[in-house]
Amino acid sequence: MLNSVVIMGRFTRDPEMRQTPNGVPVASFSLAVERDFKDTSGEKQTDFIDCTAWRNTAEFICKYFTKGRMAVVSGRLQVRHWDDKDGNKRKSTDVIVENAYFADSKRDAANMAAPEHPQFTEIGDELDDEDLPF
C-alpha cells in the first residue's frame, strides 16, 4: 500500500516538544497550507494541517523552525480514533513527518527570532505502546 504525503506551508505556532515516558522525543505542530485554487469569492482557502514528528526529526524541527517559517514536510497520513470524555467518538488525521525541509529564504529566516532549545515535557497516559510508530 502507498501512503505518502508532501505539503508546504507556514508554521502556525512554534513546534511543541514532548517526550514519551521512555524518553523518545516527539514534536507537534501545524502548517497553514494554501490551496492552489480560489473559491467563488476569488479568495484562496487555507487548510491547517496537524503534524507529528518523532526522534531526530522532532529535535531538528524544534531547533530550526518557528512560527511563520515556511517548510516542506514529507511523511504519511495517520488517522486516530478515540472516545472523548463525554463518550463521543472522535477522529483526527495527522501527517507523521519523516523529513522536513526549509522552504523560505535565508533572509526571511534571519528576520525571525532564533528558537530556544526545546524543553521536554513528559507524555503521560495519552500514548500507548500501540500508538508509537516503532
N, C-alpha and C. Protein backbone atom coordinates (compact mmCIF):
# COMPACT_ATOMS: atom_id res chain seq x y z
N MET A 1 0.83 -1.18 0.00
CA MET A 1 0.00 0.00 0.00
C MET A 1 0.88 1.25 0.00
N LEU A 2 0.37 2.30 -0.57
CA LEU A 2 1.10 3.55 -0.65
C LEU A 2 0.44 4.59 0.23
N ASN A 3 1.20 5.20 1.10
CA ASN A 3 0.72 6.27 1.97
C ASN A 3 1.84 7.29 2.05
N SER A 4 1.80 8.28 1.18
CA SER A 4 2.86 9.27 1.10
C SER A 4 2.25 10.66 0.94
N VAL A 5 2.77 11.61 1.72
CA VAL A 5 2.25 12.97 1.72
C VAL A 5 3.42 13.94 1.65
N VAL A 6 3.28 14.98 0.83
CA VAL A 6 4.24 16.09 0.80
C VAL A 6 3.41 17.36 0.84
N ILE A 7 3.69 18.22 1.82
CA ILE A 7 2.98 19.50 1.91
C ILE A 7 3.97 20.62 2.16
N MET A 8 3.59 21.83 1.75
CA MET A 8 4.40 23.01 2.00
C MET A 8 3.49 24.05 2.62
N GLY A 9 3.94 24.63 3.73
CA GLY A 9 3.14 25.64 4.40
C GLY A 9 3.94 26.35 5.47
N ARG A 10 3.27 27.25 6.16
CA ARG A 10 3.91 28.02 7.22
C ARG A 10 3.50 27.48 8.59
N PHE A 11 4.46 27.48 9.51
CA PHE A 11 4.17 27.08 10.88
C PHE A 11 3.17 28.06 11.49
N THR A 12 2.09 27.53 12.06
CA THR A 12 1.08 28.39 12.68
C THR A 12 1.46 28.75 14.11
N ARG A 13 2.40 28.01 14.68
CA ARG A 13 2.90 28.25 16.04
C ARG A 13 4.26 27.58 16.14
N ASP A 14 4.98 27.89 17.19
CA ASP A 14 6.24 27.19 17.42
C ASP A 14 5.95 25.72 17.68
N PRO A 15 6.81 24.82 17.20
CA PRO A 15 6.60 23.40 17.47
C PRO A 15 6.65 23.12 18.98
N GLU A 16 5.84 22.17 19.41
CA GLU A 16 5.80 21.78 20.83
C GLU A 16 6.54 20.45 20.99
N MET A 17 7.58 20.45 21.79
CA MET A 17 8.38 19.24 22.02
C MET A 17 7.92 18.57 23.31
N ARG A 18 7.72 17.26 23.23
CA ARG A 18 7.41 16.44 24.40
C ARG A 18 8.31 15.23 24.37
N GLN A 19 8.16 14.39 25.37
CA GLN A 19 8.94 13.18 25.46
C GLN A 19 8.04 12.06 25.98
N THR A 20 8.15 10.88 25.40
CA THR A 20 7.40 9.73 25.91
C THR A 20 8.02 9.32 27.25
N PRO A 21 7.33 8.49 28.03
CA PRO A 21 7.93 8.01 29.29
C PRO A 21 9.26 7.29 29.07
N ASN A 22 9.47 6.74 27.89
CA ASN A 22 10.73 6.07 27.57
C ASN A 22 11.80 7.02 27.04
N GLY A 23 11.50 8.32 26.99
CA GLY A 23 12.49 9.31 26.57
C GLY A 23 12.54 9.57 25.08
N VAL A 24 11.54 9.13 24.32
CA VAL A 24 11.53 9.35 22.87
C VAL A 24 10.97 10.74 22.58
N PRO A 25 11.73 11.61 21.90
CA PRO A 25 11.25 12.96 21.58
C PRO A 25 10.13 12.90 20.53
N VAL A 26 9.11 13.74 20.73
CA VAL A 26 8.02 13.86 19.77
C VAL A 26 7.62 15.34 19.70
N ALA A 27 7.48 15.85 18.49
CA ALA A 27 7.12 17.26 18.29
C ALA A 27 5.78 17.33 17.57
N SER A 28 4.95 18.28 18.00
CA SER A 28 3.66 18.52 17.37
C SER A 28 3.64 19.96 16.85
N PHE A 29 3.06 20.13 15.68
CA PHE A 29 2.94 21.46 15.10
C PHE A 29 1.86 21.43 14.03
N SER A 30 1.53 22.59 13.53
CA SER A 30 0.51 22.71 12.50
C SER A 30 1.06 23.60 11.39
N LEU A 31 0.78 23.21 10.14
CA LEU A 31 1.18 24.02 8.99
C LEU A 31 -0.07 24.60 8.32
N ALA A 32 0.00 25.87 7.96
CA ALA A 32 -1.05 26.52 7.18
C ALA A 32 -0.69 26.33 5.71
N VAL A 33 -1.52 25.58 5.00
CA VAL A 33 -1.25 25.23 3.61
C VAL A 33 -2.34 25.86 2.74
N GLU A 34 -1.91 26.77 1.86
CA GLU A 34 -2.85 27.45 0.97
C GLU A 34 -3.23 26.54 -0.19
N ARG A 35 -4.51 26.51 -0.51
CA ARG A 35 -4.98 25.71 -1.64
C ARG A 35 -4.56 26.37 -2.95
N ASP A 36 -4.46 25.56 -4.01
CA ASP A 36 -4.00 26.05 -5.31
C ASP A 36 -5.07 26.81 -6.08
N PHE A 37 -6.30 26.76 -5.64
CA PHE A 37 -7.38 27.38 -6.40
C PHE A 37 -8.14 28.37 -5.52
N LYS A 38 -8.91 29.23 -6.18
CA LYS A 38 -9.70 30.23 -5.46
C LYS A 38 -11.14 29.77 -5.36
N ASP A 39 -11.83 30.21 -4.31
CA ASP A 39 -13.24 29.87 -4.16
C ASP A 39 -14.10 30.82 -5.00
N THR A 40 -15.40 30.72 -4.86
CA THR A 40 -16.31 31.52 -5.69
C THR A 40 -16.17 33.02 -5.45
N SER A 41 -15.66 33.42 -4.27
CA SER A 41 -15.47 34.84 -3.99
C SER A 41 -14.10 35.34 -4.45
N GLY A 42 -13.29 34.45 -5.06
CA GLY A 42 -11.99 34.84 -5.57
C GLY A 42 -10.87 34.75 -4.55
N GLU A 43 -11.16 34.18 -3.38
CA GLU A 43 -10.16 34.05 -2.32
C GLU A 43 -9.60 32.64 -2.28
N LYS A 44 -8.32 32.53 -1.96
CA LYS A 44 -7.72 31.21 -1.75
C LYS A 44 -8.00 30.77 -0.31
N GLN A 45 -8.38 29.52 -0.15
CA GLN A 45 -8.64 28.95 1.16
C GLN A 45 -7.34 28.38 1.74
N THR A 46 -7.29 28.26 3.04
CA THR A 46 -6.12 27.72 3.72
C THR A 46 -6.55 26.54 4.58
N ASP A 47 -5.80 25.46 4.51
CA ASP A 47 -6.01 24.30 5.38
C ASP A 47 -4.95 24.32 6.47
N PHE A 48 -5.35 23.97 7.68
CA PHE A 48 -4.43 23.90 8.81
C PHE A 48 -4.22 22.43 9.12
N ILE A 49 -3.03 21.94 8.85
CA ILE A 49 -2.75 20.52 8.89
C ILE A 49 -1.86 20.19 10.08
N ASP A 50 -2.37 19.31 10.95
CA ASP A 50 -1.62 18.88 12.13
C ASP A 50 -0.53 17.90 11.71
N CYS A 51 0.64 18.06 12.32
CA CYS A 51 1.79 17.22 12.00
C CYS A 51 2.45 16.74 13.30
N THR A 52 3.04 15.56 13.23
CA THR A 52 3.77 14.97 14.36
C THR A 52 5.09 14.42 13.84
N ALA A 53 6.16 14.74 14.54
CA ALA A 53 7.49 14.22 14.17
C ALA A 53 8.08 13.51 15.38
N TRP A 54 8.87 12.49 15.12
CA TRP A 54 9.47 11.68 16.17
C TRP A 54 10.99 11.74 16.11
N ARG A 55 11.62 11.49 17.25
CA ARG A 55 13.06 11.31 17.40
C ARG A 55 13.88 12.47 16.82
N ASN A 56 14.89 12.15 16.00
CA ASN A 56 15.79 13.18 15.45
C ASN A 56 15.06 14.20 14.62
N THR A 57 14.05 13.77 13.90
CA THR A 57 13.27 14.71 13.08
C THR A 57 12.58 15.73 13.98
N ALA A 58 12.03 15.27 15.10
CA ALA A 58 11.37 16.16 16.06
C ALA A 58 12.36 17.17 16.62
N GLU A 59 13.54 16.70 16.99
CA GLU A 59 14.56 17.59 17.53
C GLU A 59 15.02 18.62 16.50
N PHE A 60 15.20 18.19 15.25
CA PHE A 60 15.60 19.09 14.17
C PHE A 60 14.54 20.19 13.97
N ILE A 61 13.29 19.79 13.92
CA ILE A 61 12.21 20.75 13.69
C ILE A 61 12.13 21.76 14.82
N CYS A 62 12.22 21.30 16.06
CA CYS A 62 12.14 22.22 17.19
C CYS A 62 13.34 23.14 17.28
N LYS A 63 14.46 22.69 16.80
CA LYS A 63 15.68 23.50 16.85
C LYS A 63 15.68 24.60 15.79
N TYR A 64 15.15 24.33 14.60
CA TYR A 64 15.32 25.25 13.48
C TYR A 64 14.05 25.93 12.97
N PHE A 65 12.88 25.51 13.38
CA PHE A 65 11.65 26.10 12.85
C PHE A 65 10.87 26.82 13.95
N THR A 66 10.27 27.93 13.57
CA THR A 66 9.45 28.72 14.48
C THR A 66 8.19 29.17 13.75
N LYS A 67 7.28 29.76 14.50
CA LYS A 67 6.04 30.28 13.93
C LYS A 67 6.35 31.19 12.74
N GLY A 68 5.64 30.97 11.64
CA GLY A 68 5.80 31.79 10.44
C GLY A 68 6.78 31.26 9.42
N ARG A 69 7.67 30.33 9.82
CA ARG A 69 8.64 29.77 8.87
C ARG A 69 7.94 28.89 7.85
N MET A 70 8.41 28.96 6.62
CA MET A 70 7.89 28.12 5.55
C MET A 70 8.68 26.82 5.53
N ALA A 71 7.96 25.71 5.41
CA ALA A 71 8.62 24.40 5.41
C ALA A 71 7.92 23.46 4.43
N VAL A 72 8.68 22.50 3.95
CA VAL A 72 8.14 21.38 3.20
C VAL A 72 8.34 20.16 4.08
N VAL A 73 7.28 19.42 4.32
CA VAL A 73 7.40 18.19 5.09
C VAL A 73 6.89 17.03 4.25
N SER A 74 7.52 15.89 4.43
CA SER A 74 7.05 14.67 3.77
C SER A 74 6.89 13.60 4.83
N GLY A 75 5.95 12.72 4.57
CA GLY A 75 5.69 11.65 5.53
C GLY A 75 4.48 10.84 5.09
N ARG A 76 3.67 10.46 6.09
CA ARG A 76 2.50 9.64 5.80
C ARG A 76 1.32 10.13 6.63
N LEU A 77 0.12 9.83 6.16
CA LEU A 77 -1.08 10.18 6.92
C LEU A 77 -1.36 9.10 7.94
N GLN A 78 -1.83 9.53 9.11
CA GLN A 78 -2.26 8.59 10.14
C GLN A 78 -3.57 9.08 10.72
N VAL A 79 -4.56 8.21 10.77
CA VAL A 79 -5.86 8.54 11.33
C VAL A 79 -5.98 7.85 12.68
N ARG A 80 -6.36 8.63 13.70
CA ARG A 80 -6.55 8.08 15.04
C ARG A 80 -8.01 8.20 15.42
N HIS A 81 -8.52 7.17 16.09
CA HIS A 81 -9.90 7.15 16.59
C HIS A 81 -9.85 7.02 18.10
N TRP A 82 -10.72 7.75 18.79
CA TRP A 82 -10.81 7.62 20.25
C TRP A 82 -12.17 8.10 20.71
N ASP A 83 -12.47 7.82 21.97
CA ASP A 83 -13.69 8.31 22.61
C ASP A 83 -13.30 9.45 23.54
N ASP A 84 -13.99 10.59 23.44
CA ASP A 84 -13.67 11.71 24.32
C ASP A 84 -14.27 11.48 25.70
N LYS A 85 -14.09 12.45 26.60
CA LYS A 85 -14.52 12.28 27.98
C LYS A 85 -16.04 12.17 28.11
N ASP A 86 -16.77 12.63 27.10
CA ASP A 86 -18.23 12.52 27.10
C ASP A 86 -18.72 11.27 26.39
N GLY A 87 -17.79 10.43 25.94
CA GLY A 87 -18.17 9.18 25.27
C GLY A 87 -18.43 9.33 23.78
N ASN A 88 -18.17 10.52 23.22
CA ASN A 88 -18.36 10.73 21.78
C ASN A 88 -17.17 10.17 21.01
N LYS A 89 -17.46 9.55 19.87
CA LYS A 89 -16.38 9.03 19.03
C LYS A 89 -15.73 10.19 18.30
N ARG A 90 -14.40 10.25 18.33
CA ARG A 90 -13.63 11.31 17.69
C ARG A 90 -12.62 10.71 16.74
N LYS A 91 -12.17 11.53 15.80
CA LYS A 91 -11.19 11.10 14.81
C LYS A 91 -10.31 12.29 14.46
N SER A 92 -9.02 12.04 14.30
CA SER A 92 -8.12 13.09 13.84
C SER A 92 -7.15 12.50 12.83
N THR A 93 -6.72 13.35 11.92
CA THR A 93 -5.77 12.95 10.89
C THR A 93 -4.53 13.82 11.04
N ASP A 94 -3.37 13.18 11.14
CA ASP A 94 -2.09 13.87 11.25
C ASP A 94 -1.17 13.41 10.14
N VAL A 95 -0.23 14.28 9.80
CA VAL A 95 0.89 13.88 8.96
C VAL A 95 2.00 13.45 9.91
N ILE A 96 2.45 12.21 9.79
CA ILE A 96 3.60 11.73 10.55
C ILE A 96 4.83 12.09 9.71
N VAL A 97 5.58 13.06 10.18
CA VAL A 97 6.67 13.66 9.41
C VAL A 97 7.91 12.78 9.45
N GLU A 98 8.41 12.47 8.28
CA GLU A 98 9.66 11.72 8.15
C GLU A 98 10.82 12.64 7.77
N ASN A 99 10.53 13.70 6.99
CA ASN A 99 11.55 14.65 6.55
C ASN A 99 10.97 16.06 6.59
N ALA A 100 11.82 17.03 6.92
CA ALA A 100 11.41 18.43 6.91
C ALA A 100 12.50 19.24 6.21
N TYR A 101 12.07 20.18 5.38
CA TYR A 101 12.99 20.98 4.58
C TYR A 101 12.63 22.46 4.72
N PHE A 102 13.64 23.31 4.65
CA PHE A 102 13.42 24.75 4.66
C PHE A 102 12.83 25.17 3.31
N ALA A 103 11.83 26.05 3.34
CA ALA A 103 11.22 26.50 2.10
C ALA A 103 11.19 28.02 1.99
N ASP A 104 11.82 28.71 2.93
CA ASP A 104 11.91 30.16 2.83
C ASP A 104 13.37 30.55 2.65
N SER A 105 13.60 31.81 2.37
CA SER A 105 14.96 32.25 2.10
C SER A 105 15.74 32.47 3.39
N LYS A 106 17.05 32.51 3.28
CA LYS A 106 17.88 32.79 4.44
C LYS A 106 17.58 34.18 4.99
N ARG A 107 17.27 35.12 4.11
CA ARG A 107 16.95 36.48 4.54
C ARG A 107 15.68 36.48 5.40
N ASP A 108 14.66 35.73 4.97
CA ASP A 108 13.43 35.64 5.76
C ASP A 108 13.71 35.01 7.12
N ALA A 109 14.54 33.98 7.12
CA ALA A 109 14.87 33.28 8.36
C ALA A 109 15.65 34.19 9.31
N ALA A 110 16.53 35.03 8.75
CA ALA A 110 17.34 35.92 9.58
C ALA A 110 16.48 36.95 10.29
N ASN A 111 15.35 37.31 9.71
CA ASN A 111 14.46 38.30 10.30
C ASN A 111 13.59 37.72 11.41
N MET A 112 13.61 36.41 11.59
CA MET A 112 12.80 35.77 12.62
C MET A 112 13.68 35.46 13.83
N ALA A 113 13.07 35.44 14.98
CA ALA A 113 13.81 35.15 16.21
C ALA A 113 14.29 33.71 16.20
N ALA A 114 15.50 33.50 16.67
CA ALA A 114 16.04 32.13 16.76
C ALA A 114 15.32 31.39 17.86
N PRO A 115 14.92 30.13 17.60
CA PRO A 115 14.22 29.37 18.63
C PRO A 115 15.17 28.96 19.74
N GLU A 116 14.59 28.83 20.94
CA GLU A 116 15.38 28.30 22.05
C GLU A 116 15.43 26.79 21.91
N HIS A 117 16.38 26.19 22.59
CA HIS A 117 16.46 24.73 22.56
C HIS A 117 15.20 24.17 23.20
N PRO A 118 14.69 23.04 22.68
CA PRO A 118 13.42 22.52 23.17
C PRO A 118 13.50 22.09 24.63
N GLN A 119 12.42 22.36 25.33
CA GLN A 119 12.26 21.88 26.69
C GLN A 119 11.28 20.71 26.63
N PHE A 120 11.70 19.59 27.13
CA PHE A 120 10.88 18.39 27.05
C PHE A 120 9.85 18.39 28.18
N THR A 121 8.65 17.96 27.84
CA THR A 121 7.65 17.64 28.85
C THR A 121 7.30 16.18 28.63
N GLU A 122 7.04 15.49 29.70
CA GLU A 122 6.79 14.06 29.57
C GLU A 122 5.35 13.81 29.15
N ILE A 123 5.18 12.87 28.25
CA ILE A 123 3.85 12.47 27.82
C ILE A 123 3.36 11.41 28.79
N GLY A 124 2.22 11.62 29.34
CA GLY A 124 1.69 10.68 30.32
C GLY A 124 0.87 9.59 29.69
N ASP A 125 -0.38 9.50 30.08
CA ASP A 125 -1.26 8.42 29.66
C ASP A 125 -1.82 8.60 28.26
N GLU A 126 -1.48 9.72 27.57
CA GLU A 126 -2.09 9.96 26.28
C GLU A 126 -1.56 9.06 25.16
N LEU A 127 -0.42 8.39 25.37
CA LEU A 127 0.13 7.50 24.37
C LEU A 127 0.24 6.08 24.92
N ASP A 128 -0.20 5.12 24.14
CA ASP A 128 0.01 3.73 24.46
C ASP A 128 1.14 3.23 23.58
N ASP A 129 1.72 2.09 23.93
CA ASP A 129 2.75 1.49 23.08
C ASP A 129 2.23 1.24 21.67
N GLU A 130 0.92 0.99 21.55
CA GLU A 130 0.33 0.74 20.22
C GLU A 130 0.34 1.99 19.36
N ASP A 131 0.37 3.19 19.99
CA ASP A 131 0.35 4.44 19.25
C ASP A 131 1.71 4.79 18.66
N LEU A 132 2.78 4.23 19.22
CA LEU A 132 4.11 4.59 18.78
C LEU A 132 4.42 3.95 17.42
N PRO A 133 5.04 4.71 16.53
CA PRO A 133 5.28 4.22 15.17
C PRO A 133 6.52 3.34 15.04
N PHE A 134 6.89 2.63 16.07
CA PHE A 134 8.06 1.76 16.00
C PHE A 134 7.80 0.48 16.74
